[in-house]
Protein backbone atom coordinates (compact mmCIF):
# COMPACT_ATOMS: atom_id res chain seq x y z
CA MET A 1 126.12 109.08 63.24
CA LYS A 2 129.23 109.56 61.12
CA THR A 3 127.16 111.27 58.42
CA THR A 4 125.58 113.54 60.99
CA ALA A 5 128.98 114.45 62.40
CA ALA A 6 130.35 115.16 58.91
CA ASN A 7 127.38 117.38 58.07
CA ALA A 8 127.73 119.37 61.28
CA LEU A 9 131.46 119.79 60.79
CA ASP A 10 130.92 120.98 57.22
CA ALA A 11 128.32 123.49 58.44
CA ALA A 12 130.89 124.97 60.82
CA VAL A 13 133.86 124.93 58.45
CA ARG A 14 131.85 126.68 55.70
CA ARG A 15 131.55 129.67 58.01
CA GLY A 16 135.29 130.32 57.88
CA ILE A 17 136.45 129.10 61.27
CA SER A 18 140.09 128.28 62.07
CA TYR A 19 139.27 124.98 63.83
CA GLY A 20 136.19 122.94 64.58
CA ASP A 21 135.14 119.61 66.03
CA VAL A 22 131.84 117.81 66.46
CA ARG A 23 130.74 115.08 68.88
CA VAL A 24 127.61 113.11 68.10
CA VAL A 25 126.67 111.14 71.22
CA GLU A 26 124.08 108.43 71.84
CA THR A 27 123.66 107.33 75.47
CA GLU A 28 121.52 104.52 76.82
CA GLU A 29 121.08 104.11 80.60
CA ARG A 30 119.28 101.83 83.04
CA HIS A 31 118.89 102.48 86.78
CA VAL A 32 117.42 99.93 89.19
CA SER A 33 117.33 100.56 92.95
CA THR A 34 115.34 99.54 96.01
CA LYS A 35 114.71 100.66 99.58
CA ASN A 36 113.48 98.07 102.05
CA GLY A 37 112.16 95.76 99.39
CA LYS A 38 110.36 98.43 97.38
CA ILE A 39 111.47 99.96 94.11
CA SER A 40 112.95 103.43 94.61
CA GLU A 41 114.04 103.89 91.00
CA LEU A 42 113.35 101.94 87.84
CA ALA A 43 114.32 104.04 84.86
CA ALA A 44 115.59 103.66 81.32
CA SER A 45 116.59 106.45 78.97
CA VAL A 46 118.13 107.10 75.58
CA SER A 47 119.63 110.44 74.60
CA VAL A 48 120.97 111.49 71.18
CA GLY A 49 122.42 114.84 70.19
CA LEU A 50 125.51 116.68 69.04
CA GLY A 51 127.84 119.40 70.23
CA VAL A 52 129.75 121.75 67.90
CA ARG A 53 132.93 123.38 69.18
CA VAL A 54 134.68 126.00 67.05
CA LEU A 55 137.74 128.20 67.35
CA ASP A 56 137.59 131.47 65.46
CA ARG A 57 139.47 134.74 65.86
CA GLY A 58 141.30 133.20 68.80
CA ALA A 59 138.19 132.38 70.86
CA TRP A 60 135.98 129.36 71.55
CA GLY A 61 132.34 128.96 70.65
CA PHE A 62 130.12 125.99 71.51
CA ALA A 63 126.54 125.03 70.77
CA ALA A 64 124.55 121.82 71.07
CA THR A 65 121.28 120.40 69.77
CA ASP A 66 119.14 117.30 69.73
CA ASP A 67 117.54 118.47 66.46
CA LEU A 68 119.55 116.42 63.99
CA THR A 69 117.73 117.64 60.91
CA SER A 70 119.75 119.68 58.41
CA GLU A 71 118.08 122.83 59.75
CA GLY A 72 118.93 121.96 63.35
CA ILE A 73 122.54 121.19 62.49
CA GLU A 74 122.96 124.44 60.55
CA ALA A 75 121.47 126.44 63.42
CA ALA A 76 123.84 124.86 65.98
CA ALA A 77 126.90 125.50 63.79
CA GLU A 78 125.83 129.10 63.21
CA LEU A 79 125.33 129.67 66.94
CA ALA A 80 128.73 128.18 67.83
CA VAL A 81 130.45 130.51 65.34
CA GLU A 82 128.48 133.50 66.56
CA ILE A 83 129.50 132.78 70.17
CA ALA A 84 133.16 132.45 69.17
CA ARG A 85 133.15 135.77 67.34
CA SER A 86 131.39 137.50 70.21
CA SER A 87 133.86 135.99 72.68
CA ALA A 88 136.76 137.27 70.57
CA LEU A 89 135.69 140.83 71.34
CA VAL A 90 136.59 140.37 75.03
CA GLN A 91 139.24 137.66 74.77
CA LYS A 92 142.47 138.65 76.56
CA HIS A 93 144.66 136.07 74.86
CA ASP A 94 144.15 134.06 71.69
CA VAL A 95 143.64 130.32 72.16
CA VAL A 96 146.47 128.31 70.58
CA LEU A 97 146.11 124.53 70.31
CA ALA A 98 148.96 122.07 70.74
CA PRO A 99 149.34 120.02 67.57
CA GLU A 100 147.62 116.67 67.22
CA GLY A 101 147.57 114.31 64.28
CA ALA A 102 144.49 113.06 62.44
CA HIS A 103 143.09 109.75 63.69
CA GLU A 104 140.59 107.38 62.10
CA VAL A 105 139.55 104.77 64.65
CA HIS A 106 136.65 102.49 65.54
CA TRP A 107 136.87 101.23 69.15
CA THR A 108 134.56 99.41 71.55
CA SER A 109 135.36 98.72 75.19
CA PRO A 110 135.60 95.03 76.12
CA VAL A 111 132.34 93.59 77.41
CA ARG A 112 131.70 89.91 78.14
CA ILE A 113 128.00 90.19 79.02
CA ASP A 114 125.99 93.04 77.51
CA PRO A 115 124.21 94.50 80.57
CA PHE A 116 121.20 95.39 78.43
CA SER A 117 120.80 91.73 77.49
CA ILE A 118 119.87 91.04 81.13
CA SER A 119 116.17 91.68 81.66
CA VAL A 120 114.80 94.16 84.14
CA ASP A 121 113.02 91.26 85.85
CA GLN A 122 116.41 89.59 86.41
CA ASN A 123 117.81 92.86 87.78
CA LEU A 124 114.91 93.13 90.20
CA ALA A 125 115.25 89.52 91.30
CA LEU A 126 118.87 90.18 92.20
CA VAL A 127 118.30 93.36 94.19
CA TYR A 128 115.33 91.81 96.01
CA SER A 129 117.56 88.88 97.00
CA ILE A 130 120.21 91.26 98.34
CA ASP A 131 117.56 93.22 100.22
CA ALA A 132 116.16 90.04 101.79
CA GLU A 133 119.59 88.95 103.00
CA LEU A 134 120.27 92.36 104.54
CA ARG A 135 116.93 92.61 106.34
CA ARG A 136 117.13 89.05 107.57
CA ASN A 137 119.20 90.65 110.33
CA PRO A 138 116.64 92.20 112.73
CA GLY A 139 119.01 95.05 113.57
CA ILE A 140 118.86 96.45 110.02
CA THR A 141 116.44 99.36 109.74
CA LEU A 142 117.01 100.37 106.13
CA ALA A 143 118.45 98.43 103.20
CA GLU A 144 119.31 100.10 99.90
CA THR A 145 120.46 98.43 96.67
CA ALA A 146 121.43 99.83 93.28
CA LEU A 147 122.36 98.74 89.77
CA VAL A 148 123.27 101.13 86.95
CA PHE A 149 124.28 100.36 83.37
CA THR A 150 125.36 102.69 80.58
CA ARG A 151 126.25 102.30 76.92
CA GLN A 152 127.56 105.39 75.17
CA ARG A 153 128.59 105.66 71.54
CA GLN A 154 130.35 108.81 70.39
CA VAL A 155 131.52 109.87 66.96
CA PHE A 156 134.12 112.65 67.00
CA ALA A 157 135.07 114.50 63.80
CA SER A 158 137.47 117.43 63.51
CA SER A 159 138.52 119.90 60.83
CA GLU A 160 142.03 118.40 61.14
CA GLY A 161 140.81 115.12 59.67
CA SER A 162 140.02 112.92 62.69
CA VAL A 163 137.03 110.58 62.68
CA ILE A 164 136.84 108.59 65.92
CA ASP A 165 133.97 106.21 66.65
CA GLN A 166 134.10 104.76 70.16
CA THR A 167 131.61 102.93 72.35
CA ARG A 168 131.99 102.49 76.13
CA HIS A 169 130.00 100.18 78.43
CA THR A 170 129.99 100.85 82.17
CA SER A 171 128.29 98.99 85.01
CA GLY A 172 127.84 99.74 88.69
CA ALA A 173 126.40 97.79 91.60
CA GLY A 174 126.29 97.96 95.38
CA PHE A 175 124.21 98.09 98.53
CA THR A 176 124.08 99.73 101.96
CA ALA A 177 122.71 98.54 105.29
CA TYR A 178 121.64 101.10 107.93
CA SER A 179 121.03 100.36 111.58
CA PHE A 180 119.17 102.91 113.74
CA ARG A 181 119.38 102.52 117.51
CA GLY A 182 118.46 105.26 119.97
CA ASP A 183 119.92 108.46 118.58
CA GLU A 184 122.65 106.75 116.54
CA ILE A 185 122.78 105.65 112.91
CA GLN A 186 125.43 103.22 111.71
CA LYS A 187 125.92 102.04 108.15
CA ARG A 188 127.97 99.59 106.15
CA SER A 189 128.27 99.58 102.38
CA TYR A 190 129.49 97.02 99.88
CA PRO A 191 131.69 96.96 97.91
CA ASN A 192 132.03 100.70 98.40
CA SER A 193 129.91 103.61 99.56
CA PHE A 194 128.01 105.99 97.26
CA GLY A 195 126.74 103.40 94.81
CA GLY A 196 129.21 100.53 95.15
CA GLN A 197 131.78 99.60 92.53
CA HIS A 198 131.70 101.01 88.98
CA GLN A 199 133.90 99.90 86.12
CA LEU A 200 134.24 99.81 82.34
CA LYS A 201 132.66 96.38 82.14
CA GLY A 202 129.41 94.64 81.31
CA TYR A 203 127.15 92.62 83.56
CA GLU A 204 130.12 90.43 84.42
CA LEU A 205 131.05 93.04 87.06
CA VAL A 206 127.82 92.30 88.94
CA GLU A 207 128.63 88.60 88.96
CA GLU A 208 132.20 89.19 90.12
CA LEU A 209 131.10 91.23 93.14
CA LYS A 210 129.15 88.36 94.79
CA LEU A 211 126.62 90.79 96.20
CA VAL A 212 124.19 88.35 97.78
CA GLU A 213 126.98 86.35 99.38
CA ASN A 214 128.42 89.42 101.12
CA ALA A 215 125.11 90.83 102.38
CA PRO A 216 124.94 88.92 105.72
CA ARG A 217 128.45 90.01 106.77
CA VAL A 218 127.78 93.64 105.89
CA ALA A 219 124.51 93.67 107.82
CA GLU A 220 126.20 92.10 110.83
CA GLU A 221 128.93 94.75 110.85
CA ALA A 222 126.39 97.60 110.64
CA VAL A 223 124.60 96.29 113.73
CA ALA A 224 127.82 95.49 115.61
CA LEU A 225 129.02 99.08 115.23
CA HIS A 226 126.50 100.19 117.86
CA SER A 227 128.35 98.16 120.46
CA ALA A 228 131.83 99.17 119.27
CA ASP A 229 134.05 101.63 121.09
CA GLN A 230 134.31 105.19 119.87
CA CYS A 231 137.39 105.76 117.70
CA PRO A 232 140.09 107.31 119.90
CA GLU A 233 141.33 110.82 119.27
CA GLY A 234 145.01 111.55 118.83
CA ARG A 235 147.90 110.80 116.51
CA PHE A 236 148.31 107.23 115.30
CA ASP A 237 149.60 105.29 112.37
CA LEU A 238 146.71 105.06 109.92
CA ILE A 239 146.02 102.16 107.54
CA LEU A 240 143.55 102.75 104.71
CA GLU A 241 141.93 100.03 102.62
CA SER A 242 142.02 100.66 98.91
CA SER A 243 138.56 102.16 98.31
CA GLN A 244 139.04 104.88 100.94
CA LEU A 245 142.53 105.49 99.60
CA GLY A 246 140.97 105.84 96.13
CA LEU A 247 138.81 108.71 97.35
CA GLN A 248 141.82 110.25 99.11
CA ILE A 249 143.63 110.18 95.76
CA HIS A 250 140.61 111.69 94.01
CA GLU A 251 140.31 114.66 96.36
CA SER A 252 143.93 115.40 97.32
CA VAL A 253 145.76 114.44 94.10
CA GLY A 254 143.27 114.23 91.23
CA HIS A 255 141.59 117.61 91.60
CA PRO A 256 144.75 119.60 92.37
CA ILE A 257 146.44 118.41 89.14
CA GLU A 258 143.65 119.65 86.85
CA LEU A 259 145.49 122.40 85.01
CA ASP A 260 142.37 124.48 84.34
CA ARG A 261 141.89 124.77 88.11
CA VAL A 262 145.52 125.85 88.50
CA LEU A 263 145.09 128.50 85.79
CA GLY A 264 141.91 129.84 87.39
CA THR A 265 139.15 128.88 84.94
CA GLU A 266 137.35 126.73 87.55
CA ALA A 267 137.78 129.17 90.44
CA ASN A 268 134.20 130.41 90.50
CA PHE A 269 132.61 126.99 90.97
CA ALA A 270 135.13 124.37 92.08
CA GLY A 271 138.00 126.48 93.37
CA MET A 272 141.66 126.49 92.41
CA SER A 273 144.69 124.44 93.47
CA PHE A 274 147.63 124.73 95.81
CA LEU A 275 149.74 123.17 93.02
CA THR A 276 150.76 126.41 91.33
CA LEU A 277 153.06 126.17 88.31
CA ASP A 278 156.20 126.88 90.33
CA ASN A 279 155.70 123.52 92.12
CA LEU A 280 156.18 121.44 88.97
CA ASN A 281 159.26 119.21 89.25
CA ARG A 282 160.10 120.84 92.60
CA LEU A 283 157.52 119.91 95.20
CA GLN A 284 158.07 116.79 97.29
CA TYR A 285 154.42 115.76 97.18
CA GLY A 286 154.89 112.49 99.07
CA SER A 287 157.42 110.06 100.47
CA ASN A 288 159.74 108.37 98.01
CA ILE A 289 157.50 105.28 97.75
CA VAL A 290 154.57 107.35 96.42
CA ASN A 291 154.10 107.05 92.65
CA VAL A 292 150.91 108.28 91.00
CA VAL A 293 149.92 108.08 87.34
CA CYS A 294 147.11 109.51 85.24
CA ASP A 295 146.34 106.66 82.83
CA ALA A 296 143.38 106.38 80.46
CA ARG A 297 144.70 103.36 78.57
CA LEU A 298 142.91 100.04 78.63
CA GLU A 299 146.16 98.45 79.84
CA HIS A 300 145.71 100.29 83.14
CA GLY A 301 142.43 98.52 83.79
CA PRO A 302 138.65 98.78 83.27
CA GLY A 303 138.28 102.19 84.87
CA LEU A 304 135.59 104.82 84.48
CA GLY A 305 138.42 106.98 83.16
CA THR A 306 139.43 104.46 80.49
CA PHE A 307 138.88 105.26 76.80
CA ALA A 308 140.62 105.20 73.42
CA PHE A 309 140.52 108.96 72.72
CA ASP A 310 139.48 111.95 74.76
CA ASP A 311 136.84 114.43 73.62
CA GLU A 312 139.17 116.57 71.56
CA GLY A 313 140.61 113.63 69.64
CA VAL A 314 143.79 112.99 71.64
CA PRO A 315 144.76 109.33 72.27
CA ALA A 316 144.59 107.87 75.75
CA GLN A 317 147.95 108.12 77.50
CA ALA A 318 149.78 107.31 80.72
CA SER A 319 151.37 110.32 82.40
CA ASP A 320 153.44 110.38 85.57
CA ILE A 321 151.99 112.73 88.18
CA ILE A 322 154.11 111.89 91.22
CA ARG A 323 157.37 110.01 90.70
CA ASP A 324 159.31 108.82 93.76
CA GLY A 325 157.35 111.40 95.76
CA ARG A 326 158.19 114.33 93.47
CA PHE A 327 155.40 116.23 91.68
CA VAL A 328 156.09 115.94 87.95
CA GLY A 329 152.90 116.45 85.94
CA TYR A 330 149.45 117.95 85.45
CA MET A 331 146.43 116.85 83.46
CA THR A 332 146.36 119.04 80.35
CA SER A 333 144.37 119.91 77.22
CA ARG A 334 145.45 121.06 73.77
CA GLU A 335 144.83 124.62 74.92
CA THR A 336 146.71 124.44 78.23
CA ALA A 337 149.64 122.13 77.44
CA ALA A 338 151.94 125.01 76.52
CA ALA A 339 151.49 126.54 79.99
CA VAL A 340 153.61 123.72 81.43
CA GLY A 341 156.03 123.48 78.52
CA ALA A 342 154.37 120.42 76.96
CA LYS A 343 154.24 120.03 73.21
CA ARG A 344 151.13 117.84 73.31
CA SER A 345 148.03 117.39 75.44
CA ASN A 346 148.07 114.29 77.62
CA GLY A 347 144.47 113.56 76.67
CA THR A 348 142.21 114.40 79.62
CA MET A 349 139.44 116.48 78.01
CA ARG A 350 135.96 115.01 78.52
CA ALA A 351 132.32 116.09 78.50
CA ASP A 352 129.47 114.27 80.22
CA GLY A 353 127.30 114.33 77.09
CA TRP A 354 126.56 115.99 73.79
CA ALA A 355 125.16 119.15 75.43
CA ARG A 356 128.35 120.09 77.30
CA ILE A 357 131.74 121.43 76.23
CA PRO A 358 134.75 119.25 77.17
CA LEU A 359 136.75 120.12 80.30
CA ILE A 360 139.92 118.73 81.84
CA ARG A 361 138.67 115.76 83.87
CA MET A 362 140.36 113.01 85.82
CA THR A 363 140.84 109.80 83.88
CA ASN A 364 142.26 107.00 86.08
CA VAL A 365 144.45 108.72 88.68
CA SER A 366 146.05 105.83 90.54
CA LEU A 367 148.61 105.13 93.22
CA LYS A 368 151.00 102.51 91.90
CA PRO A 369 151.33 99.35 93.98
CA GLY A 370 154.19 99.23 96.46
CA GLU A 371 156.70 96.55 97.30
CA GLN A 372 155.46 95.74 100.78
CA SER A 373 153.45 92.66 101.71
CA LEU A 374 150.06 93.04 103.35
CA ASP A 375 151.64 91.83 106.61
CA GLU A 376 154.18 94.66 106.40
CA VAL A 377 151.44 97.25 105.79
CA PHE A 378 149.49 96.02 108.81
CA GLY A 379 152.56 95.23 110.88
CA ALA A 380 152.86 98.46 112.88
CA ASP A 381 153.05 98.14 116.65
CA HIS A 382 149.90 100.23 116.99
CA ALA A 383 147.63 101.57 114.23
CA ILE A 384 144.05 102.39 113.29
CA TYR A 385 142.70 100.63 110.19
CA MET A 386 139.78 102.32 108.40
CA GLU A 387 137.42 101.09 105.68
CA THR A 388 134.82 102.65 103.36
CA ASN A 389 134.19 106.37 103.08
CA LYS A 390 131.37 107.98 105.05
CA SER A 391 132.08 111.68 104.62
CA TRP A 392 134.69 114.04 103.25
CA SER A 393 135.60 117.71 103.31
CA ILE A 394 138.47 119.53 101.61
CA ASP A 395 139.15 123.21 100.99
CA ASP A 396 138.85 124.80 97.56
CA LYS A 397 142.61 124.59 96.98
CA ARG A 398 142.62 120.90 97.95
CA TYR A 399 145.06 121.32 100.80
CA HIS A 400 143.30 120.86 104.17
CA PHE A 401 141.04 117.81 104.40
CA GLN A 402 138.98 115.66 106.73
CA PHE A 403 137.52 112.22 106.00
CA GLY A 404 135.15 110.01 107.95
CA CYS A 405 134.88 106.25 107.41
CA GLU A 406 132.17 103.72 108.17
CA ILE A 407 134.22 101.36 110.29
CA ALA A 408 137.67 100.95 111.83
CA TRP A 409 139.70 98.52 113.88
CA GLU A 410 142.45 99.13 116.38
CA MET A 411 145.53 97.14 115.31
CA ARG A 412 148.39 95.91 117.49
CA ASN A 413 151.29 94.07 115.91
CA GLY A 414 149.22 93.30 112.83
CA LYS A 415 146.20 91.92 114.72
CA ARG A 416 142.73 93.42 115.09
CA VAL A 417 142.05 93.95 118.79
CA ARG A 418 138.74 95.85 118.69
CA MET A 419 136.17 97.34 116.32
CA LEU A 420 135.82 101.14 116.38
CA LYS A 421 132.88 103.30 115.32
CA ASN A 422 132.72 106.81 113.85
CA PRO A 423 136.38 106.92 112.75
CA SER A 424 137.81 109.99 111.06
CA TYR A 425 141.17 111.46 110.11
CA SER A 426 142.40 114.85 108.93
CA GLY A 427 145.52 116.48 107.62
CA ILE A 428 147.30 118.59 105.04
CA THR A 429 147.72 117.06 101.60
CA THR A 430 151.50 117.15 101.27
CA GLU A 431 152.12 116.23 104.91
CA PHE A 432 149.78 113.27 104.57
CA TRP A 433 151.41 111.85 101.43
CA ASN A 434 154.89 112.42 102.84
CA ALA A 435 153.82 110.29 105.81
CA CYS A 436 153.18 107.28 103.55
CA ALA A 437 155.28 104.48 105.06
CA ALA A 438 154.10 101.30 103.30
CA ILE A 439 152.04 100.35 100.23
CA ALA A 440 150.87 96.79 99.51
CA GLY A 441 151.81 95.04 96.29
CA PRO A 442 149.93 94.58 93.00
CA GLU A 443 148.02 91.49 94.14
CA HIS A 444 146.06 93.77 96.51
CA TRP A 445 145.53 96.63 94.01
CA THR A 446 141.96 97.50 92.95
CA LEU A 447 140.79 100.04 90.36
CA TRP A 448 137.79 101.75 91.96
CA GLY A 449 135.18 103.82 90.16
CA THR A 450 133.91 107.22 91.30
CA PRO A 451 130.78 107.82 89.19
CA ASN A 452 129.71 111.20 90.56
CA CYS A 453 132.53 113.73 90.23
CA GLY A 454 131.11 117.19 89.58
CA LYS A 455 132.78 120.08 87.79
CA GLY A 456 131.97 123.02 85.53
CA GLN A 457 129.12 125.45 85.04
CA PRO A 458 126.64 124.10 83.99
CA ASP A 459 127.54 121.17 86.23
CA GLN A 460 128.98 118.08 84.56
CA ILE A 461 128.96 114.69 86.32
CA MET A 462 131.84 112.46 85.27
CA GLY A 463 133.07 108.99 86.17
CA THR A 464 136.70 108.67 87.22
CA GLY A 465 138.92 105.75 88.22
CA HIS A 466 141.37 105.41 91.11
CA GLY A 467 143.57 102.39 91.68
CA ALA A 468 145.19 101.68 95.03
CA SER A 469 146.46 98.98 97.34
CA PRO A 470 146.07 99.25 101.13
CA ALA A 471 148.65 101.63 102.58
CA ARG A 472 149.94 102.83 105.94
CA PHE A 473 150.61 106.44 106.93
CA HIS A 474 152.66 107.51 109.97
CA ASN A 475 151.49 109.80 112.78
CA ILE A 476 148.13 110.99 111.35
CA ARG A 477 145.59 113.03 113.29
CA ILE A 478 142.65 110.70 114.01
CA GLY A 479 139.26 110.93 115.69
CA SER A 480 138.41 114.61 115.91
CA ALA A 481 135.41 114.65 113.55
CA TYR A 482 133.13 112.38 115.59
CA ALA A 483 134.67 112.59 119.05
CA GLY A 484 132.24 111.44 121.73
C-alpha cells in the first residue's frame, strides 16, 4: 500500500502541482442482523482503492480509482490535476493551507479480540440467543438484532513528506424489541437506538455489553409502555441519560461547530449554522458548568472519532469548544483555520473511504463530566427523566430542535413515581444549554458512538463519538410532540 501511495503521489507531483496527497484505503466489513429469528442481513465485503487530492493554481482537484495498476494510477492523477486547473478558472479565492509538519507514523488502534477471528456461526449463535430472550416475552411482536465489524487500513502520503499508515478497528452491537398493541407501537432498544453501541474496539465490546443478559428487561419495558401514562405536556426539569444527551450534543453542538457549514460550503445539502464567526469567544452557549471538547486522541476514549491522524495528515488533537459555558472554538481544516485566526488545523478532516474527498467531520465531541453526584442530578423536587432516542428534528442552522425518546419516568425528590410513554422535549439550542443545572461525575460518563452521520455531496456516512454523563436541565418544554 505504501508503494501504491508513493506511485500515485509521484504521478501527481510530476504534473507540476503546488500540493498533493494520496490516501490508499483498504476496508473490510461484516454485518450480521436478524428479524424475529431470521437473518435479515449477512454480508461481508472488502474494498481497496485510492484517492488523489491536488492543489494547483489555487484550486482543489480530486479523483479516485480502484484500478491500482500503473495505468489506473496515472489516469487518476491526471484527472485530479485537470479538475484543479478547470476549477481555478472559476475560483473566487485561492486556497491557502495552514502549515503542517511532515509525519512518518505507523499506528494501529488497540484491539483485544480481533472481531474477524470470531466466526460467523458464533455471531449468529449470539444474535439468535438475544432474539430468543426477547421473544420469550409474549408481548414482543418484532425483535431485531445487529452486529457490525470494520477494519480499515489507510496509508496517507503527501508532497510535504508525510507517510502515515494507520489501522482502525470498530465494532457495534445492539438490539430492539417492538410491541404492537391496537393502534400503538412501543419500542425499547439496548444499549442505544439506531444500532446499539459502537466504539473503536474489537469483539471485546460485544462481551462488555452483556446483550443476552439485558434482553428480558428490555422486552419487559417495551410491553409495559402500553400501560404507562402519556408523558405530560408543559415545562418541567428534564433529566437526560447519557446516550440521549450524546445525540443532543451531536445535533446542537457538533454540527454547528463545523466551520465549513459556517462558511457556507455545506449550505446546499446540510444547511449552515447559527454560530457565525462573530459569536466566537463571545456567545454564552451554555451555563457555566457546560464544558465541551472536540477530542480525537486515544486518551479521550475508544470513540468512533478517535484516530492518530486525520485525512490530511494532521495529528489528533483536543480542542475546547465550550469552556465554562462560553463558545471558544470550531472544528477546522488546513484550508479554513485562518478564517478563525488559527495558525494550524485542529485535525478534523475525514472521508468515509477512498472514493471521497475529506470534509470537516465531528471527531469525539463530548460534554465533560460535572462535579455533581447522580443523586444531585436526580434530586429535583419534580422532573421528567428520559432515556434512549426515538426521533429527532432540528432546523438547518441547528437552532430549533425537537427530540422524542423511547421511555421516561416522572421523578419526585429523586424517586421514580411512574413510567411515561411517548416522551418528547423541544427548545432552542442556546436556551437549552444555558438551562443545564447539574452534570454527573466521571464515573457515570460514557463515550457513545453515532455510526451514521451523513454529510456532503455525494453523501458520506461517518462515525462520530459523543461522551456524556446524565444531566439535568431546568424548565424545558416537554410533551408536545406526542401529546394524546
